[in-house]
Structures are given as C-alpha cells and as structure tokens.
Protein backbone atom coordinates (compact mmCIF):
# COMPACT_ATOMS: atom_id res chain seq x y z
CA MET A 1 140.90 366.22 93.53
CA ALA A 2 139.51 362.84 94.29
CA THR A 3 136.99 362.30 97.00
CA LEU A 4 137.50 359.62 99.89
CA PRO A 5 135.23 356.73 99.84
CA ARG A 6 132.39 356.87 102.28
CA PRO A 7 132.72 355.44 105.52
CA ILE A 8 130.44 352.38 106.25
CA ASP A 9 127.71 353.17 108.63
CA PHE A 10 127.56 350.19 111.51
CA TYR A 11 124.71 350.26 113.71
CA PHE A 12 124.80 347.96 116.70
CA ASP A 13 123.30 347.06 119.74
CA PHE A 14 125.51 345.84 122.98
CA SER A 15 123.10 343.10 123.76
CA SER A 16 123.02 341.51 120.05
CA PRO A 17 125.00 338.61 119.43
CA TYR A 18 125.18 339.24 115.73
CA SER A 19 126.57 342.64 116.21
CA TYR A 20 129.37 341.28 118.35
CA ILE A 21 130.14 338.71 115.69
CA ALA A 22 130.11 341.37 113.11
CA SER A 23 132.03 344.06 115.23
CA GLU A 24 134.99 341.61 114.94
CA TRP A 25 135.14 341.46 111.26
CA ILE A 26 133.70 344.87 109.92
CA ASP A 27 136.88 346.97 110.39
CA ALA A 28 139.09 344.60 108.77
CA LEU A 29 137.01 344.00 105.64
CA ALA A 30 136.35 347.93 105.29
CA ALA A 31 140.14 348.58 105.53
CA ARG A 32 140.84 345.84 102.70
CA HIS A 33 139.03 348.10 100.70
CA GLY A 34 139.85 351.31 101.62
CA ARG A 35 137.37 352.33 103.77
CA THR A 36 136.88 353.43 107.18
CA VAL A 37 133.73 352.23 109.73
CA ASN A 38 131.40 354.90 111.56
CA TRP A 39 130.26 352.64 114.45
CA LYS A 40 126.79 353.84 115.89
CA ALA A 41 125.54 352.31 119.33
CA ILE A 42 121.70 351.67 119.14
CA LEU A 43 119.03 350.34 121.42
CA LEU A 44 117.12 347.37 119.49
CA GLY A 45 114.31 348.03 121.51
CA ALA A 46 113.68 351.21 120.26
CA THR A 47 114.14 350.00 116.45
CA PHE A 48 111.78 347.17 117.31
CA GLN A 49 109.23 349.20 118.64
CA ALA A 50 109.34 351.48 115.58
CA ALA A 51 109.34 348.30 113.26
CA GLU A 52 106.51 346.48 115.60
CA LEU A 53 109.04 343.67 116.21
CA LYS A 54 110.24 341.46 118.93
CA SER A 55 113.48 339.79 119.62
CA PRO A 56 113.59 335.91 118.31
CA VAL A 57 114.19 334.92 121.42
CA SER A 58 110.76 336.06 123.03
CA TYR A 59 108.80 333.44 120.81
CA PRO A 60 109.22 329.93 122.22
CA ILE A 61 109.38 328.36 118.77
CA LYS A 62 112.45 330.62 117.89
CA ARG A 63 114.27 330.81 121.12
CA GLU A 64 116.36 327.49 121.37
CA TYR A 65 117.18 327.67 117.56
CA SER A 66 118.38 331.49 118.03
CA LEU A 67 120.41 330.46 120.73
CA HIS A 68 122.19 327.82 119.10
CA ASP A 69 122.38 329.74 116.17
CA PHE A 70 124.47 332.34 118.01
CA GLU A 71 127.07 329.94 119.00
CA ARG A 72 127.16 328.38 115.66
CA SER A 73 127.62 331.61 113.87
CA ALA A 74 130.16 332.60 116.23
CA ARG A 75 131.96 329.19 115.72
CA PHE A 76 131.91 329.50 111.72
CA ALA A 77 133.19 333.29 112.18
CA GLY A 78 136.16 332.08 114.51
CA VAL A 79 134.95 334.37 117.28
CA PRO A 80 134.54 333.30 120.99
CA ILE A 81 131.45 333.41 122.50
CA ARG A 82 129.67 332.13 125.73
CA ASN A 83 125.93 332.66 125.69
CA PRO A 84 125.11 335.00 128.46
CA GLU A 85 123.03 333.60 131.51
CA LYS A 86 121.15 337.04 131.44
CA PHE A 87 119.68 337.59 127.91
CA PRO A 88 118.95 339.99 126.40
CA ILE A 89 119.83 342.78 128.64
CA PRO A 90 119.21 346.47 128.73
CA THR A 91 122.32 348.31 127.37
CA GLN A 92 121.64 352.02 127.25
CA ASN A 93 124.69 352.87 130.06
CA ALA A 94 126.94 351.23 127.85
CA ALA A 95 125.65 353.17 124.84
CA ARG A 96 125.44 356.77 126.52
CA VAL A 97 129.29 355.88 127.29
CA PHE A 98 129.64 355.11 123.91
CA TRP A 99 128.25 358.20 122.49
CA TRP A 100 130.13 360.42 125.33
CA LEU A 101 133.36 358.93 124.10
CA ALA A 102 132.40 359.37 120.14
CA ASP A 103 132.33 362.90 120.64
CA GLN A 104 135.78 363.34 122.00
CA ASP A 105 137.37 360.23 119.79
CA ARG A 106 135.63 358.09 117.59
CA GLU A 107 138.62 355.34 117.63
CA ARG A 108 138.08 355.36 121.75
CA ALA A 109 134.55 354.95 121.35
CA THR A 110 135.02 352.07 118.97
CA GLN A 111 137.21 350.53 121.36
CA TRP A 112 135.06 350.82 124.33
CA ALA A 113 132.39 348.88 122.32
CA ARG A 114 134.60 345.98 121.63
CA HIS A 115 135.77 346.13 125.09
CA CYS A 116 131.92 345.63 126.15
CA LEU A 117 130.82 343.46 123.80
CA ARG A 118 133.74 340.87 124.33
CA ALA A 119 133.14 341.10 128.08
CA TYR A 120 129.25 340.34 127.87
CA PHE A 121 129.37 337.42 124.99
CA ALA A 122 132.95 336.03 125.68
CA ARG A 123 133.16 336.17 129.34
CA GLY A 124 129.69 336.67 130.78
CA VAL A 125 129.93 340.03 132.25
CA ASP A 126 126.69 341.66 132.69
CA LEU A 127 126.53 345.18 131.18
CA SER A 128 123.30 345.94 132.59
CA ASP A 129 124.52 345.54 136.05
CA VAL A 130 125.79 348.74 137.45
CA ALA A 131 128.72 347.29 139.67
CA GLN A 132 130.00 344.99 136.78
CA LEU A 133 129.92 347.98 134.18
CA ARG A 134 131.60 350.35 136.52
CA ALA A 135 134.21 347.84 136.71
CA LEU A 136 134.68 347.55 132.85
CA ALA A 137 134.82 351.35 132.76
CA ASP A 138 137.81 351.28 135.12
CA ASP A 139 139.55 348.17 133.25
CA PHE A 140 139.25 350.34 130.37
CA GLY A 141 140.54 353.43 131.89
CA ILE A 142 137.71 355.77 131.88
CA GLY A 143 137.20 355.58 135.78
CA ALA A 144 134.16 353.86 137.36
CA ASP A 145 132.74 357.14 138.49
CA THR A 146 133.14 359.11 135.81
CA ALA A 147 131.19 356.50 133.57
CA GLU A 148 128.42 356.23 136.20
CA ALA A 149 128.27 360.14 135.90
CA VAL A 150 127.95 359.88 131.92
CA TRP A 151 125.53 357.42 131.86
CA ASN A 152 123.21 359.26 134.54
CA ASP A 153 123.63 362.52 132.48
CA PRO A 154 120.62 363.99 131.07
CA VAL A 155 122.89 365.21 128.19
CA TRP A 156 123.64 361.65 127.12
CA LYS A 157 120.52 360.04 127.90
CA ALA A 158 119.15 362.96 125.15
CA ARG A 159 122.09 362.03 122.89
CA LEU A 160 121.16 358.06 122.82
CA LYS A 161 117.56 358.88 122.15
CA ALA A 162 118.61 361.35 119.22
CA GLU A 163 120.91 358.66 117.89
CA ASN A 164 117.86 356.06 117.83
CA GLU A 165 115.60 357.99 116.47
CA ALA A 166 118.08 359.00 113.52
CA ALA A 167 118.44 355.30 113.03
CA ILE A 168 114.87 354.78 112.80
CA ALA A 169 114.63 357.80 110.31
CA ALA A 170 117.36 356.01 108.18
CA GLY A 171 115.25 352.84 107.84
CA VAL A 172 117.09 350.80 110.79
CA PHE A 173 115.07 348.49 112.05
CA GLY A 174 117.60 345.72 113.83
CA ALA A 175 121.36 345.30 114.28
CA PRO A 176 123.81 344.67 112.87
CA PHE A 177 122.59 347.10 110.41
CA PHE A 178 124.99 348.48 107.70
CA VAL A 179 124.89 351.19 105.17
CA VAL A 180 127.26 351.26 102.26
CA ASP A 181 127.24 353.98 99.79
CA GLY A 182 123.57 354.45 100.80
CA GLU A 183 122.74 350.94 100.50
CA PRO A 184 121.34 349.11 103.59
CA PHE A 185 122.38 345.46 104.66
CA TRP A 186 120.73 343.84 107.84
CA GLY A 187 122.35 340.94 109.63
CA ASN A 188 125.66 339.53 109.85
CA ASP A 189 124.98 337.29 107.44
CA ARG A 190 125.06 339.99 104.82
CA ARG A 191 128.89 340.06 104.88
CA PRO A 192 129.30 338.18 101.68
CA GLN A 193 127.24 340.76 99.87
CA ILE A 194 128.91 343.68 101.68
CA GLU A 195 132.23 342.50 100.41
CA ARG A 196 131.07 342.13 96.71
CA TRP A 197 129.59 345.48 96.85
CA LEU A 198 133.07 346.95 98.04
CA GLU A 199 134.90 344.86 95.59
CA LYS A 200 132.88 345.62 92.48
CA GLY A 201 130.09 348.18 93.58
CA PRO A 202 126.48 347.87 93.07
CA PHE A 203 124.88 344.85 91.79
C-alpha cells in the first residue's frame, strides 16, 4: 500500500510580513505536488530569544530597507500589502485562537490565519488591539466573546507556549519556516528551492 506524501510544516507568525506573503502561495504550491500543509502559529519573539536574534526593523540601519522590502516582495508575489502603522505587534491572542480552532478543524484554523494576516497586512487592522481582534472574530463567525474567552484561557496560553517550545526544539528560529520531508527552509524567498524539492526530490 502506497504511503501518502508527508505534509509540509509551515511555521508562521501573525506579525511577520514574509509569513503573510508565504501564506498566499504555500497551499497552492503544495497542492500542485500532491501535498498538504500543516500550518503552525508561533511567536517570533520566542524563537528570536532562543536564537539570540532581533527583528531586522529593530536595527536602524536595516529598518528602512526592511520596510521597503516587505512591500517590494509583496508586489513581486502579486500580494496586496500596506505596511501597518504599528509594527511589529504582539500576536499571542490571534495565535491562541488559531490553536483552539486547530484542535477542532485544521482547515478552519487555516482560514482564521489567512483572515487575520490579510486584515493586518492589507487593511491595517491591529491584531494586538482587543477591540479590533474581537471585531475580526465576529466577522469570521467565531463570536467576539468566545474568541476573547479562548485567548484568556490558561489552557490555550499553555498550548501556544508548548507549540513555541516544540518549534524551537525542531530548529525553527524565524518565520516563515518550512519543513519538507525533514528538510528545513527558512524564508519566503526559499520558494524556488521548495518547489524544486517537491518536483525532483533532494538536491
């Protein structure tokens, strides 16, 4: 009996512009090669701390270039973007809701991730603002009160912490981060290498 190809692990952060861009192509690319995608919400702050890194926008010499590159990379990919006025932001609440949904329905969780990423990077909705995130939850059909109860629940706080720890243990130090057949690829710009791997195998 033939075994199904392994899913692609896709680690993303709701405050990562490159995660947003990658989120718009990873599922279609995987599907063309008979793969599925296992989306995994993480917090870059946790991985940066483990890897002794900081966001590029925290360095004055890198900040303006990085903001320019976010927009240029999105245009190149054909993805709408508007650099948020507030960036980066804490996104633990959106991530906790993601894992709550993932335990019920992985596809629904993926839809929530896209809903939030597009809201933040295309429309400027601040995911760190409780009122705006509650409104997004209502728009999505979860219900604002339900979503807020989830992100305040110690169970889902612990779940996100565990997922961050598992990602770090797997060698994840940034986002987007992909694992294909055990092979790690870091960054939206690794798309051509991922596609080559899926087409022809290891290189």
